[in-house]
Every structure is written in C-alpha cells, then in structure tokens.
Amino acid sequence: MLLDDDDLPVPQACEWFLSRRHLEINTLMRNANEVIVIHKWAKRRRFNIYDRIRSGKQFTEADLKGLIEELSRPQPNSNKVGKLAVSPDTRNKRISTGLKHILWYIDELTVLPDTAVELADRLSAMRAKIVKVFQDSYQKPEGNRKYHKHLTLEQARFVQDALDPDGTIKFGADERGRVRNFIMVCLLLFLGLRIGELLSLRIQDVKFGPITYIMIKRRGMSNLDTRKRPARVKRLERLLPLDNARLAILLDNYMLEDREWCLKHGGASDSGFLFLSDEGAPLSSDRVQHLFRDIRKRFPKDLPAHLTPHSMRYTFTNAVNAELHSQGLNEQLIEKYLAWLRGDSSVKSQDTYIDFGAQTKEAVARYQTRFASGRSSSDVPF
C-alpha cells in the first residue's frame, strides 16, 4: 500500500497494486519501491502525477527524460556515499514498472464513460509519446556478462567433487554438513531449481521409487518458518525426475539420519522443511550463499567468480537446451520442454539463461566445415 504525506492511501497506486495481487510479495515490494520514485520525482516538481495525467496536459520530453534519469539513480536510505547509477538490469526493470504503472492509469481514464472525446485524444497522444521515450531508454546488458553465468562441464564436476562427502577434498569440517551441502548443490544443478524452490522443499515433496521425483509446489506462508526472509516458490508447480541412484540414496540417508540429528541437537520442533541447519531450523538462503562464497574463495583457480546458486540454473538451462537441440527437436518443442522443466509461464524467461552465442558458434563452425571447398577446408595449413 502506498501512502501520501498524510499517511493516507494513494487510491490510484493502490488500485494498480490490487490489479497485480496475483504476483509474489517480493515482486510487489520491488514495484512499490519503483513507483515511489515516480511520486518523489513529481513532488519535487510540485505536481501530482495523477492530476497531471487527468488534465490531459502533455509531459514534455524534458519531463520524461528527467523521470527516466531519476529511475536510473540509486535511492539511498542514509547519508552514505553510494553509486551514481544503478545497473542496466535494475534500470530496465524500473523503467518497465514505471511505464506499466503510468500506462495503466492512462488506459483506465481513457475507457471511462464520462471521459470527453477531446481528453481521450490527448490521453492517446500522451500515451504514444511516453511509450516511445521510455522504450528508447532501455539499456543493453553490460557486455555479455548476462550470457556467461553458466559453468563449464569441468567446473560443474569440480563443484560436485569438492563437496562430495565421499570425495578426497573434504570441503567443510562437519560430515553431516557436507552431505547436506552436496545434495543441495546437486539438486540446484541437476534440476535447475531456484534457491527459493530448494529451500521451500518439504519432506513429502521427495517421492522415492525406481526414479526419484522432486515435487516443486507453491504454498502459502508457514507459521513454522522462522526465517527472516521465508523461501517462496515463484514459478509453476512441477514434478521433476532425479535419475541418479547415488544421490537418491544420500538423500534418503540424510532424511532418516542427519536431518533427525539436527532436530535433536537443536531441540527444535519439526517444521517439515527438508533442509535444516545444525540447530534444526529451516536453512536460510544466506547460509547457502555463504557456502558458494566460501567455495569460490577456496578454489579461485578452478571455479569462476560468478559461481552462485543461480549459476546452477543457468548451467541447467543452457546444457538441457543444447541436449534437446542435439536430439533434433524443433525450436517450439524445445521451448515448451524448457518452460515446463523450469516452471516458466513464458518462454521468453529462458532467453537470458542460454548462451546462444556459444551454441550458434558451434553450429556455424560445423556448417562452414561441411560447405567449404577442398581448398578452403579447415585442414589447410597456414
């Protein structure tokens, strides 16, 4: 809920949030912080954003560029010196949210029965101008960093070897912790889970059998979840196969022995969550992030600086996409398969996870080798 200076709800903003109430709470909180920037910008210019739109008075290009510039700046909560600009990805999200919010209000006014034809025409012209200026303001990602968060095959295997409880590296002092950490990293890597999906898993979500299945399920908030930032499932529900016998055995042993030890050791009541801390509480995302940070520091030559829980999802998506292409499946079918595996409601969500550059480079290389004449073949010495 967005409040004005008198601590009263801003009706138009609150209506917009209500229209988006199907979204996750974290998304709505981010949207609220982005909309606040628009209101602060308008307040400094001594006008109300909704009154200005209702009047039909056009925003100048300087107005809109000034708003976009404001959306591109960090919004400090203290007097500390901060960055001069946010990242291109954050900037683009703010511009997208701001555009959706303003257009929603323009469209609501336009379709009202008592809106005069002249005002509707001015609103239509205003809408077209805002769309053009905002869309021209999107920035490209920094370099190609966005498309190289996945791990190579060697890096993915090294992470598993480093955490393997039966391996020779023995990363981590506690044996029970090594088992839990190994299972978590393998589930992130083999199933492409988000960290929220991993930490939301309950005991009943593991279905043992000839092939073990992991159920990703959306649930409401649990009273037994004591974490400051409770884990949530943002994607669609799905049942994923875990076709790895050793991992299934380790998972079964963890549930029967190590997990029970954590509950007794911490004197905690059973919350039902699959992964627990040594004190028996649901494991927090900070603990998982610290695990990846520590293993990056321990093996800087073997593991990339971008190793995070989310890089496992990049690796899964990129590798499965390549595997499906190698089977000769058409693009539309591949998109549907990946959307189901990842829990995406839109196939566009996959684009930032797939290294199209590397995959197309390999395909072009094969094409050029196949079509090259004898004098242009790859084995001609230079």
Protein backbone atom coordinates (compact mmCIF):
# COMPACT_ATOMS: atom_id res chain seq x y z
CA MET A 1 0.00 0.00 0.00
CA LEU A 2 1.37 3.41 -0.99
CA LEU A 3 0.72 6.28 1.45
CA ASP A 4 0.84 10.05 0.89
CA ASP A 5 2.32 12.70 3.20
CA ASP A 6 -0.76 12.47 5.45
CA ASP A 7 -0.33 8.69 5.78
CA LEU A 8 -3.44 8.11 3.69
CA PRO A 9 -3.53 5.56 0.83
CA VAL A 10 -2.92 6.86 -2.68
CA PRO A 11 -6.05 5.42 -4.36
CA GLN A 12 -4.71 5.14 -7.92
CA ALA A 13 -1.47 3.48 -6.90
CA CYS A 14 -3.23 1.07 -4.56
CA GLU A 15 -5.70 0.12 -7.30
CA TRP A 16 -2.80 -0.70 -9.59
CA PHE A 17 -1.20 -2.90 -6.92
CA LEU A 18 -4.53 -4.66 -6.41
CA SER A 19 -4.65 -5.43 -10.13
CA ARG A 20 -1.28 -7.18 -9.68
CA ARG A 21 -2.07 -9.03 -6.45
CA HIS A 22 -1.51 -12.39 -8.16
CA LEU A 23 2.25 -11.65 -8.18
CA GLU A 24 4.67 -12.68 -5.44
CA ILE A 25 5.11 -10.40 -2.44
CA ASN A 26 8.78 -9.71 -3.29
CA THR A 27 7.81 -8.55 -6.79
CA LEU A 28 5.10 -6.27 -5.39
CA MET A 29 7.52 -4.80 -2.86
CA ARG A 30 10.01 -4.08 -5.64
CA ASN A 31 7.24 -2.48 -7.72
CA ALA A 32 6.21 -0.32 -4.75
CA ASN A 33 9.75 0.98 -4.33
CA GLU A 34 9.87 1.78 -8.05
CA VAL A 35 6.53 3.63 -8.02
CA ILE A 36 7.67 5.66 -5.00
CA VAL A 37 10.49 7.06 -7.16
CA ILE A 38 7.89 8.43 -9.61
CA HIS A 39 5.94 10.13 -6.83
CA LYS A 40 9.06 11.65 -5.27
CA TRP A 41 10.10 13.00 -8.67
CA ALA A 42 6.66 14.58 -9.21
CA LYS A 43 6.59 16.03 -5.69
CA ARG A 44 9.90 17.86 -6.24
CA ARG A 45 8.32 19.42 -9.32
CA ARG A 46 5.26 20.36 -7.26
CA PHE A 47 2.59 18.47 -9.13
CA ASN A 48 0.56 15.31 -8.63
CA ILE A 49 1.26 12.67 -11.25
CA TYR A 50 -2.38 11.59 -11.48
CA ASP A 51 -3.75 15.15 -11.62
CA ARG A 52 -1.32 15.91 -14.42
CA ILE A 53 -2.50 12.89 -16.43
CA ARG A 54 -6.18 13.67 -15.75
CA SER A 55 -5.71 17.21 -17.06
CA GLY A 56 -4.53 15.87 -20.40
CA LYS A 57 -1.56 18.26 -20.33
CA GLN A 58 1.31 16.70 -22.22
CA PHE A 59 4.54 15.78 -20.49
CA THR A 60 7.46 17.43 -22.22
CA GLU A 61 10.36 15.32 -23.41
CA ALA A 62 12.47 17.01 -20.72
CA ASP A 63 9.93 15.86 -18.10
CA LEU A 64 10.09 12.27 -19.25
CA LYS A 65 13.88 12.23 -19.61
CA GLY A 66 14.13 13.67 -16.10
CA LEU A 67 11.91 10.90 -14.75
CA ILE A 68 13.97 8.23 -16.50
CA GLU A 69 17.14 9.79 -15.11
CA GLU A 70 15.60 9.62 -11.63
CA LEU A 71 14.73 5.94 -12.13
CA SER A 72 18.37 5.32 -13.11
CA ARG A 73 19.76 6.63 -9.83
CA PRO A 74 20.15 4.69 -6.57
CA GLN A 75 17.69 5.68 -3.87
CA PRO A 76 19.87 5.91 -0.73
CA ASN A 77 18.33 5.35 2.69
CA SER A 78 21.22 7.05 4.50
CA ASN A 79 23.79 9.81 4.06
CA LYS A 80 26.46 7.38 2.92
CA VAL A 81 28.06 7.98 -0.46
CA GLY A 82 26.68 5.47 -2.95
CA LYS A 83 26.86 4.63 -6.62
CA LEU A 84 25.93 7.26 -9.19
CA ALA A 85 23.80 4.89 -11.24
CA VAL A 86 22.13 1.52 -10.93
CA SER A 87 22.98 -1.42 -13.17
CA PRO A 88 21.38 -1.60 -16.63
CA ASP A 89 19.23 -4.53 -15.50
CA THR A 90 17.88 -2.61 -12.49
CA ARG A 91 17.35 0.49 -14.64
CA ASN A 92 15.39 -1.51 -17.21
CA LYS A 93 13.19 -3.06 -14.51
CA ARG A 94 12.41 0.37 -13.05
CA ILE A 95 11.62 1.83 -16.47
CA SER A 96 9.39 -1.16 -17.27
CA THR A 97 7.47 -0.85 -13.99
CA GLY A 98 7.13 2.91 -14.32
CA LEU A 99 5.84 2.59 -17.87
CA LYS A 100 3.30 -0.08 -16.93
CA HIS A 101 2.05 1.98 -14.00
CA ILE A 102 1.60 5.22 -15.95
CA LEU A 103 0.03 3.48 -18.97
CA TRP A 104 -2.40 1.61 -16.71
CA TYR A 105 -3.73 4.88 -15.34
CA ILE A 106 -3.93 6.49 -18.78
CA ASP A 107 -5.85 3.48 -20.12
CA GLU A 108 -8.21 3.49 -17.12
CA LEU A 109 -9.05 7.15 -17.74
CA THR A 110 -9.44 6.66 -21.48
CA VAL A 111 -12.13 3.99 -21.18
CA LEU A 112 -14.23 5.80 -18.56
CA PRO A 113 -17.71 6.59 -19.97
CA ASP A 114 -17.59 10.22 -18.84
CA THR A 115 -14.19 10.93 -20.47
CA ALA A 116 -14.68 13.52 -23.21
CA VAL A 117 -13.55 12.72 -26.74
CA GLU A 118 -11.09 15.62 -26.71
CA LEU A 119 -9.50 14.39 -23.45
CA ALA A 120 -9.35 10.81 -24.80
CA ASP A 121 -7.46 12.07 -27.86
CA ARG A 122 -4.97 13.97 -25.67
CA LEU A 123 -4.51 10.90 -23.48
CA SER A 124 -3.88 8.77 -26.57
CA ALA A 125 -1.22 11.21 -27.80
CA MET A 126 0.29 11.30 -24.31
CA ARG A 127 0.41 7.50 -24.22
CA ALA A 128 2.21 7.23 -27.57
CA LYS A 129 4.81 9.81 -26.52
CA ILE A 130 5.50 8.15 -23.16
CA VAL A 131 5.85 4.71 -24.75
CA LYS A 132 8.36 5.99 -27.31
CA VAL A 133 10.54 7.87 -24.82
CA PHE A 134 10.54 5.05 -22.26
CA GLN A 135 11.21 2.28 -24.77
CA ASP A 136 14.08 4.25 -26.31
CA SER A 137 15.63 4.49 -22.83
CA TYR A 138 16.22 0.79 -22.24
CA GLN A 139 19.89 -0.12 -21.89
CA LYS A 140 21.67 -3.18 -23.16
CA PRO A 141 23.20 -5.51 -20.54
CA GLU A 142 26.79 -4.77 -19.55
CA GLY A 143 28.94 -6.55 -22.11
CA ASN A 144 28.00 -10.21 -22.47
CA ARG A 145 28.16 -10.94 -18.74
CA LYS A 146 24.49 -11.90 -18.69
CA TYR A 147 25.05 -14.81 -21.06
CA HIS A 148 28.04 -16.40 -19.35
CA LYS A 149 26.83 -17.26 -15.88
CA HIS A 150 26.69 -20.95 -16.64
CA LEU A 151 29.50 -23.31 -15.67
CA THR A 152 31.58 -25.41 -17.98
CA LEU A 153 31.36 -29.18 -17.67
CA GLU A 154 34.69 -29.25 -15.84
CA GLN A 155 33.60 -26.55 -13.38
CA ALA A 156 30.28 -28.26 -12.68
CA ARG A 157 32.04 -31.53 -11.95
CA PHE A 158 34.64 -29.83 -9.77
CA VAL A 159 31.95 -28.28 -7.55
CA GLN A 160 30.47 -31.73 -7.01
CA ASP A 161 33.89 -33.29 -6.32
CA ALA A 162 34.75 -30.54 -3.83
CA LEU A 163 31.53 -31.09 -1.86
CA ASP A 164 31.26 -34.87 -2.26
CA PRO A 165 31.12 -36.39 1.27
CA ASP A 166 32.96 -39.45 -0.03
CA GLY A 167 35.50 -37.48 -2.05
CA THR A 168 39.11 -36.63 -1.29
CA ILE A 169 38.82 -32.83 -0.99
CA LYS A 170 36.55 -32.83 2.10
CA PHE A 171 35.39 -29.20 1.86
CA GLY A 172 33.74 -28.41 5.18
CA ALA A 173 34.63 -29.69 8.64
CA ASP A 174 31.33 -31.39 9.52
CA GLU A 175 30.43 -34.64 7.77
CA ARG A 176 26.66 -34.08 8.12
CA GLY A 177 27.05 -30.60 6.65
CA ARG A 178 29.00 -32.00 3.69
CA VAL A 179 26.21 -34.47 2.92
CA ARG A 180 23.52 -31.77 3.09
CA ASN A 181 25.56 -29.28 1.04
CA PHE A 182 26.37 -31.86 -1.63
CA ILE A 183 22.71 -32.83 -2.00
CA MET A 184 21.60 -29.18 -2.23
CA VAL A 185 24.15 -28.27 -4.90
CA CYS A 186 23.29 -31.38 -6.91
CA LEU A 187 19.57 -30.57 -6.81
CA LEU A 188 20.30 -27.00 -7.95
CA LEU A 189 22.48 -28.29 -10.77
CA PHE A 190 20.55 -31.38 -11.90
CA LEU A 191 17.04 -29.87 -11.69
CA GLY A 192 17.69 -26.19 -12.37
CA LEU A 193 15.95 -25.09 -9.17
CA ARG A 194 15.85 -21.56 -7.85
CA ILE A 195 17.21 -21.16 -4.33
CA GLY A 196 13.70 -20.36 -3.07
CA GLU A 197 12.38 -23.59 -4.58
CA LEU A 198 15.20 -25.58 -2.98
CA LEU A 199 14.67 -24.14 0.49
CA SER A 200 10.88 -24.46 0.21
CA LEU A 201 11.07 -28.24 -0.20
CA ARG A 202 9.26 -30.33 2.40
CA ILE A 203 9.90 -33.97 3.29
CA GLN A 204 6.75 -35.07 1.46
CA ASP A 205 7.97 -33.42 -1.74
CA VAL A 206 10.53 -36.21 -2.23
CA LYS A 207 8.94 -39.23 -3.96
CA PHE A 208 11.25 -42.25 -3.78
CA GLY A 209 10.99 -45.03 -6.34
CA PRO A 210 12.90 -46.62 -9.26
CA ILE A 211 13.33 -42.99 -10.31
CA THR A 212 13.11 -40.45 -7.51
CA TYR A 213 10.93 -37.40 -8.14
CA ILE A 214 11.09 -33.96 -6.55
CA MET A 215 7.83 -32.02 -6.30
CA ILE A 216 8.07 -28.24 -6.67
CA LYS A 217 4.93 -26.84 -5.08
CA ARG A 218 3.60 -23.36 -4.38
CA ARG A 219 2.36 -22.90 -0.83
CA GLY A 220 1.24 -20.16 1.48
CA MET A 221 3.37 -18.87 4.34
CA SER A 222 4.11 -21.41 7.07
CA ASN A 223 3.86 -20.47 10.74
CA LEU A 224 6.78 -22.84 11.35
CA ASP A 225 9.09 -20.94 9.00
CA THR A 226 11.26 -18.87 11.35
CA ARG A 227 13.48 -17.33 8.66
CA LYS A 228 13.63 -13.55 8.29
CA ARG A 229 13.14 -13.98 4.54
CA PRO A 230 10.97 -17.07 4.09
CA ALA A 231 11.67 -19.09 0.97
CA ARG A 232 8.98 -18.91 -1.70
CA VAL A 233 8.24 -20.73 -4.96
CA LYS A 234 7.69 -18.13 -7.68
CA ARG A 235 7.46 -20.47 -10.67
CA LEU A 236 4.83 -23.00 -11.69
CA GLU A 237 4.43 -26.32 -9.90
CA ARG A 238 6.07 -29.35 -11.46
CA LEU A 239 7.30 -32.89 -10.69
CA LEU A 240 10.94 -33.34 -11.70
CA PRO A 241 12.78 -36.65 -12.13
CA LEU A 242 16.04 -37.22 -10.25
CA ASP A 243 17.52 -40.12 -12.20
CA ASN A 244 20.63 -40.57 -10.06
CA ALA A 245 20.66 -43.61 -7.79
CA ARG A 246 23.56 -42.49 -5.58
CA LEU A 247 22.05 -39.07 -4.96
CA ALA A 248 18.70 -40.65 -4.11
CA ILE A 249 20.41 -42.94 -1.55
CA LEU A 250 22.26 -40.00 0.01
CA LEU A 251 19.01 -38.03 0.17
CA ASP A 252 17.22 -40.93 1.85
CA ASN A 253 20.02 -41.32 4.42
CA TYR A 254 20.06 -37.60 5.07
CA MET A 255 16.33 -37.56 5.78
CA LEU A 256 16.49 -40.59 8.09
CA GLU A 257 19.68 -39.79 9.98
CA ASP A 258 21.29 -36.37 9.53
CA ARG A 259 18.08 -34.38 9.47
CA GLU A 260 16.81 -36.14 12.59
CA TRP A 261 20.14 -35.41 14.31
CA CYS A 262 19.71 -31.69 13.55
CA LEU A 263 16.27 -31.67 15.18
CA LYS A 264 17.50 -33.45 18.31
CA HIS A 265 20.71 -31.42 18.51
CA GLY A 266 18.84 -28.12 18.31
CA GLY A 267 15.89 -29.28 20.39
CA ALA A 268 13.65 -27.94 17.66
CA SER A 269 10.17 -28.99 16.62
CA ASP A 270 9.89 -30.45 13.13
CA SER A 271 8.91 -27.72 10.66
CA GLY A 272 8.66 -30.21 7.78
CA PHE A 273 11.26 -28.40 5.67
CA LEU A 274 13.74 -30.70 4.00
CA PHE A 275 16.97 -28.80 4.59
CA LEU A 276 17.74 -27.74 8.15
CA SER A 277 20.58 -26.00 9.94
CA ASP A 278 22.51 -27.79 12.69
CA GLU A 279 20.11 -26.13 15.14
CA GLY A 280 17.11 -27.78 13.46
CA ALA A 281 15.71 -24.57 11.94
CA PRO A 282 14.84 -24.23 8.22
CA LEU A 283 18.05 -23.41 6.37
CA SER A 284 18.30 -19.78 5.27
CA SER A 285 19.30 -18.50 1.85
CA ASP A 286 22.19 -16.61 3.46
CA ARG A 287 23.73 -19.90 4.61
CA VAL A 288 23.56 -21.26 1.06
CA GLN A 289 25.02 -18.04 -0.39
CA HIS A 290 27.86 -18.23 2.16
CA LEU A 291 28.58 -21.80 1.07
CA PHE A 292 29.06 -20.69 -2.54
CA ARG A 293 31.12 -17.68 -1.45
CA ASP A 294 33.42 -19.87 0.66
CA ILE A 295 33.97 -22.44 -2.05
CA ARG A 296 34.75 -19.67 -4.57
CA LYS A 297 37.40 -18.29 -2.21
CA ARG A 298 38.85 -21.74 -1.54
CA PHE A 299 39.24 -22.66 -5.22
CA PRO A 300 39.66 -19.40 -7.20
CA LYS A 301 41.61 -21.11 -9.98
CA ASP A 302 39.12 -23.92 -10.52
CA LEU A 303 35.82 -22.06 -10.10
CA PRO A 304 34.58 -18.82 -11.69
CA ALA A 305 33.85 -15.62 -9.78
CA HIS A 306 30.19 -15.82 -10.86
CA LEU A 307 29.62 -19.15 -9.07
CA THR A 308 26.31 -18.70 -7.21
CA PRO A 309 23.23 -20.84 -6.57
CA HIS A 310 21.60 -19.14 -9.56
CA SER A 311 24.51 -20.05 -11.86
CA MET A 312 23.38 -23.66 -11.43
CA ARG A 313 20.06 -22.73 -13.04
CA TYR A 314 21.92 -21.08 -15.91
CA THR A 315 24.01 -24.21 -16.33
CA PHE A 316 20.96 -26.47 -16.30
CA THR A 317 19.04 -24.38 -18.84
CA ASN A 318 21.96 -23.92 -21.21
CA ALA A 319 23.01 -27.58 -21.14
CA VAL A 320 19.49 -29.04 -21.45
CA ASN A 321 18.77 -26.66 -24.33
CA ALA A 322 21.88 -27.91 -26.13
CA GLU A 323 20.96 -31.53 -25.37
CA LEU A 324 17.44 -31.11 -26.79
CA HIS A 325 18.85 -29.49 -29.92
CA SER A 326 21.25 -32.41 -30.37
CA GLN A 327 18.20 -34.72 -30.42
CA GLY A 328 16.90 -32.87 -33.46
CA LEU A 329 13.81 -31.38 -31.81
CA ASN A 330 12.27 -28.27 -33.32
CA GLU A 331 12.60 -24.90 -31.59
CA GLN A 332 8.98 -24.59 -30.46
CA LEU A 333 9.01 -28.02 -28.82
CA ILE A 334 12.31 -27.24 -27.09
CA GLU A 335 10.86 -24.01 -25.71
CA LYS A 336 7.84 -25.88 -24.32
CA TYR A 337 10.02 -28.57 -22.71
CA LEU A 338 12.31 -26.00 -21.10
CA ALA A 339 9.34 -23.93 -19.92
CA TRP A 340 7.90 -26.98 -18.16
CA LEU A 341 11.21 -28.04 -16.61
CA ARG A 342 11.92 -24.53 -15.34
CA GLY A 343 8.35 -23.75 -14.31
CA ASP A 344 8.14 -20.76 -16.67
CA SER A 345 4.80 -19.28 -17.63
CA SER A 346 6.50 -17.50 -20.55
CA VAL A 347 9.13 -18.98 -22.88
CA LYS A 348 10.84 -15.56 -23.00
CA SER A 349 12.15 -16.25 -19.50
CA GLN A 350 14.65 -18.72 -20.97
CA ASP A 351 16.49 -16.26 -23.19
CA THR A 352 18.80 -14.80 -20.55
CA TYR A 353 19.83 -18.29 -19.37
CA ILE A 354 21.02 -19.70 -22.70
CA ASP A 355 24.40 -18.91 -24.23
CA PHE A 356 23.12 -18.55 -27.78
CA GLY A 357 26.49 -17.15 -28.86
CA ALA A 358 28.44 -20.29 -27.97
CA GLN A 359 25.80 -22.62 -29.36
CA THR A 360 25.43 -20.76 -32.66
CA LYS A 361 29.23 -20.52 -32.97
CA GLU A 362 29.48 -24.32 -32.84
CA ALA A 363 26.66 -24.71 -35.37
CA VAL A 364 28.22 -22.17 -37.77
CA ALA A 365 31.60 -23.89 -37.44
CA ARG A 366 30.03 -27.25 -38.40
CA TYR A 367 28.22 -25.58 -41.33
CA GLN A 368 31.38 -23.88 -42.61
CA THR A 369 33.36 -27.13 -42.37
CA ARG A 370 30.67 -29.05 -44.26
CA PHE A 371 30.25 -26.48 -47.04
CA ALA A 372 33.89 -25.47 -47.51
CA SER A 373 35.52 -26.41 -50.78
CA GLY A 374 38.64 -28.54 -50.80
CA ARG A 375 41.00 -25.55 -50.99
CA SER A 376 39.11 -23.84 -48.10
CA SER A 377 38.88 -26.85 -45.80
CA SER A 378 39.94 -26.49 -42.19
CA ASP A 379 42.97 -28.72 -42.59
CA VAL A 380 44.73 -26.33 -45.00
CA PRO A 381 47.95 -25.23 -43.24
CA PHE A 382 48.69 -21.54 -42.73
